[in-house]
N, C-alpha and C. Protein backbone atom coordinates (compact mmCIF):
# COMPACT_ATOMS: atom_id res chain seq x y z
N MET A 1 0.85 -1.17 0.00
CA MET A 1 0.00 0.00 0.00
C MET A 1 0.90 1.24 0.00
N LYS A 2 0.57 2.22 -0.81
CA LYS A 2 1.34 3.44 -0.90
C LYS A 2 1.15 4.28 0.36
N GLU A 3 2.21 4.80 0.91
CA GLU A 3 2.15 5.59 2.15
C GLU A 3 1.60 6.99 1.90
N GLY A 4 0.79 7.49 2.85
CA GLY A 4 0.35 8.87 2.85
C GLY A 4 -0.83 9.22 1.96
N ILE A 5 -1.43 8.25 1.26
CA ILE A 5 -2.56 8.59 0.38
C ILE A 5 -3.90 8.03 0.87
N HIS A 6 -3.85 7.18 1.89
CA HIS A 6 -5.07 6.54 2.36
C HIS A 6 -5.60 7.23 3.61
N PRO A 7 -6.93 7.35 3.76
CA PRO A 7 -7.50 7.97 4.96
C PRO A 7 -7.26 7.10 6.19
N ASP A 8 -7.29 7.72 7.35
CA ASP A 8 -7.13 7.01 8.62
C ASP A 8 -8.31 6.07 8.83
N TYR A 9 -8.03 4.83 9.18
CA TYR A 9 -9.05 3.80 9.39
C TYR A 9 -9.04 3.46 10.87
N HIS A 10 -10.14 3.75 11.59
CA HIS A 10 -10.16 3.64 13.04
C HIS A 10 -11.53 3.15 13.52
N GLU A 11 -11.66 2.91 14.83
CA GLU A 11 -12.92 2.44 15.41
C GLU A 11 -13.83 3.60 15.76
N ILE A 12 -15.14 3.44 15.43
CA ILE A 12 -16.18 4.40 15.79
C ILE A 12 -17.36 3.63 16.34
N THR A 13 -18.31 4.33 16.93
CA THR A 13 -19.53 3.73 17.46
C THR A 13 -20.71 4.13 16.58
N ILE A 14 -21.50 3.16 16.15
CA ILE A 14 -22.71 3.41 15.36
C ILE A 14 -23.91 3.28 16.30
N VAL A 15 -24.81 4.29 16.32
CA VAL A 15 -26.00 4.24 17.15
C VAL A 15 -27.21 4.17 16.22
N MET A 16 -27.99 3.09 16.36
CA MET A 16 -29.16 2.87 15.52
C MET A 16 -30.32 3.75 16.01
N THR A 17 -31.43 3.78 15.25
CA THR A 17 -32.57 4.62 15.60
C THR A 17 -33.25 4.18 16.90
N ASP A 18 -33.14 2.90 17.25
CA ASP A 18 -33.76 2.42 18.49
C ASP A 18 -32.85 2.54 19.70
N GLY A 19 -31.65 3.10 19.51
CA GLY A 19 -30.73 3.32 20.62
C GLY A 19 -29.64 2.27 20.77
N THR A 20 -29.77 1.14 20.09
CA THR A 20 -28.72 0.13 20.17
C THR A 20 -27.47 0.65 19.47
N SER A 21 -26.32 0.15 19.88
CA SER A 21 -25.08 0.62 19.28
C SER A 21 -24.11 -0.54 19.09
N TYR A 22 -23.15 -0.33 18.23
CA TYR A 22 -22.09 -1.31 18.02
C TYR A 22 -20.83 -0.60 17.53
N GLN A 23 -19.72 -1.26 17.69
CA GLN A 23 -18.42 -0.73 17.26
C GLN A 23 -18.10 -1.26 15.88
N THR A 24 -17.50 -0.42 15.06
CA THR A 24 -17.04 -0.84 13.74
C THR A 24 -15.83 0.00 13.36
N ARG A 25 -15.18 -0.37 12.30
CA ARG A 25 -14.04 0.42 11.80
C ARG A 25 -14.49 1.20 10.59
N SER A 26 -14.02 2.46 10.50
CA SER A 26 -14.47 3.35 9.44
C SER A 26 -13.45 4.47 9.23
N THR A 27 -13.63 5.22 8.14
CA THR A 27 -12.83 6.42 7.91
C THR A 27 -13.60 7.66 8.35
N TYR A 28 -14.82 7.49 8.91
CA TYR A 28 -15.65 8.60 9.37
C TYR A 28 -15.05 9.25 10.60
N GLY A 29 -14.97 10.57 10.62
CA GLY A 29 -14.58 11.33 11.81
C GLY A 29 -13.22 10.99 12.36
N LYS A 30 -13.15 11.02 13.71
CA LYS A 30 -11.91 10.73 14.43
C LYS A 30 -12.10 9.45 15.24
N PRO A 31 -11.02 8.85 15.69
CA PRO A 31 -11.16 7.65 16.52
C PRO A 31 -12.05 7.93 17.74
N GLY A 32 -13.01 7.04 18.00
CA GLY A 32 -13.91 7.19 19.14
C GLY A 32 -15.16 8.00 18.86
N ASP A 33 -15.31 8.58 17.66
CA ASP A 33 -16.51 9.35 17.33
C ASP A 33 -17.75 8.46 17.30
N THR A 34 -18.93 9.09 17.36
CA THR A 34 -20.21 8.38 17.32
C THR A 34 -20.99 8.83 16.10
N LEU A 35 -21.49 7.88 15.32
CA LEU A 35 -22.32 8.15 14.15
C LEU A 35 -23.74 7.74 14.49
N ARG A 36 -24.67 8.71 14.56
CA ARG A 36 -26.07 8.42 14.88
C ARG A 36 -26.87 8.36 13.58
N LEU A 37 -27.53 7.23 13.35
CA LEU A 37 -28.29 7.02 12.12
C LEU A 37 -29.71 7.55 12.25
N GLU A 38 -30.22 8.19 11.19
CA GLU A 38 -31.61 8.63 11.15
C GLU A 38 -32.49 7.57 10.52
N ILE A 39 -31.94 6.82 9.59
CA ILE A 39 -32.65 5.72 8.93
C ILE A 39 -31.72 4.52 8.93
N ASP A 40 -32.22 3.38 9.34
CA ASP A 40 -31.43 2.15 9.34
C ASP A 40 -32.34 0.98 8.98
N PRO A 41 -31.81 -0.22 8.85
CA PRO A 41 -32.65 -1.36 8.47
C PRO A 41 -33.80 -1.65 9.43
N LYS A 42 -33.73 -1.15 10.66
CA LYS A 42 -34.81 -1.38 11.61
C LYS A 42 -35.97 -0.40 11.42
N SER A 43 -35.74 0.72 10.70
CA SER A 43 -36.79 1.72 10.56
C SER A 43 -37.14 2.06 9.12
N HIS A 44 -36.40 1.58 8.14
CA HIS A 44 -36.64 1.92 6.74
C HIS A 44 -37.71 1.01 6.14
N PRO A 45 -38.70 1.58 5.45
CA PRO A 45 -39.80 0.77 4.89
C PRO A 45 -39.34 -0.34 3.93
N ALA A 46 -38.20 -0.17 3.29
CA ALA A 46 -37.72 -1.21 2.38
C ALA A 46 -37.42 -2.50 3.12
N TRP A 47 -37.01 -2.42 4.38
CA TRP A 47 -36.70 -3.61 5.16
C TRP A 47 -37.82 -4.00 6.11
N THR A 48 -38.69 -3.06 6.47
CA THR A 48 -39.74 -3.35 7.45
C THR A 48 -41.06 -3.73 6.80
N GLY A 49 -41.15 -3.67 5.50
CA GLY A 49 -42.40 -4.00 4.82
C GLY A 49 -43.40 -2.86 4.84
N GLY A 50 -42.93 -1.63 5.02
CA GLY A 50 -43.80 -0.47 4.97
C GLY A 50 -44.51 -0.16 6.27
N GLN A 51 -44.09 -0.75 7.37
CA GLN A 51 -44.75 -0.50 8.65
C GLN A 51 -44.45 0.90 9.18
N HIS A 52 -43.27 1.42 8.88
CA HIS A 52 -42.89 2.76 9.32
C HIS A 52 -43.01 3.73 8.15
N ARG A 53 -43.20 5.00 8.45
CA ARG A 53 -43.29 6.01 7.41
C ARG A 53 -42.07 6.91 7.50
N LEU A 54 -41.54 7.30 6.36
CA LEU A 54 -40.42 8.24 6.34
C LEU A 54 -40.93 9.65 6.58
N VAL A 55 -40.14 10.47 7.26
CA VAL A 55 -40.51 11.85 7.52
C VAL A 55 -40.31 12.65 6.24
N ASP A 56 -41.32 13.45 5.88
CA ASP A 56 -41.26 14.26 4.67
C ASP A 56 -40.43 15.51 4.94
N ALA A 57 -39.18 15.50 4.51
CA ALA A 57 -38.28 16.62 4.75
C ALA A 57 -38.51 17.70 3.71
N GLY A 58 -38.96 18.86 4.14
CA GLY A 58 -39.11 20.00 3.24
C GLY A 58 -40.29 19.90 2.29
N GLY A 59 -41.22 19.01 2.52
CA GLY A 59 -42.39 18.89 1.67
C GLY A 59 -42.14 18.27 0.31
N GLN A 60 -40.99 17.66 0.12
CA GLN A 60 -40.65 17.07 -1.18
C GLN A 60 -41.60 15.94 -1.54
N LEU A 61 -41.93 15.11 -0.57
CA LEU A 61 -42.83 13.99 -0.84
C LEU A 61 -44.23 14.49 -1.18
N ALA A 62 -44.69 15.52 -0.49
CA ALA A 62 -46.01 16.09 -0.77
C ALA A 62 -46.05 16.70 -2.17
N ARG A 63 -44.99 17.42 -2.56
CA ARG A 63 -44.94 18.00 -3.92
C ARG A 63 -44.91 16.91 -4.98
N PHE A 64 -44.17 15.83 -4.72
CA PHE A 64 -44.11 14.72 -5.67
C PHE A 64 -45.49 14.09 -5.83
N ASN A 65 -46.15 13.81 -4.71
CA ASN A 65 -47.48 13.19 -4.77
C ASN A 65 -48.49 14.08 -5.48
N LYS A 66 -48.45 15.39 -5.24
CA LYS A 66 -49.36 16.32 -5.89
C LYS A 66 -49.10 16.37 -7.39
N ARG A 67 -47.83 16.38 -7.76
CA ARG A 67 -47.47 16.48 -9.18
C ARG A 67 -47.90 15.24 -9.97
N PHE A 68 -47.78 14.08 -9.35
CA PHE A 68 -48.05 12.84 -10.08
C PHE A 68 -49.30 12.11 -9.60
N GLN A 69 -50.24 12.79 -8.95
CA GLN A 69 -51.42 12.12 -8.41
C GLN A 69 -52.30 11.49 -9.48
N GLY A 70 -52.38 12.05 -10.68
CA GLY A 70 -53.24 11.49 -11.72
C GLY A 70 -52.51 10.53 -12.64
N PHE A 71 -51.23 10.32 -12.38
CA PHE A 71 -50.41 9.46 -13.23
C PHE A 71 -50.63 8.02 -12.83
N GLY A 72 -50.98 7.20 -13.78
CA GLY A 72 -51.20 5.78 -13.47
C GLY A 72 -51.51 5.03 -14.74
N ILE A 73 -51.76 3.77 -14.59
CA ILE A 73 -52.09 2.90 -15.73
C ILE A 73 -53.55 3.08 -16.07
N LYS A 74 -53.83 3.41 -17.31
CA LYS A 74 -55.22 3.59 -17.78
C LYS A 74 -55.72 2.24 -18.26
N ARG A 75 -56.90 1.88 -17.85
CA ARG A 75 -57.46 0.57 -18.25
C ARG A 75 -58.61 0.77 -19.21
């Protein structure tokens, strides 16, 4: 490996949305930093089967739904 071109690889703590945490190695931040997740496999609809809803940040989802509300398959 070439010296001086790779980022520092160290241990950090990951905190999930339900408060559980685990240690992993990453290039994020500094050694010992904590990364708090807003969306993870325990809360994202893709993994939960749609039981949870994503928060509409800035009304983007509402604008999308309004723009494409009549769009669909015509029978």
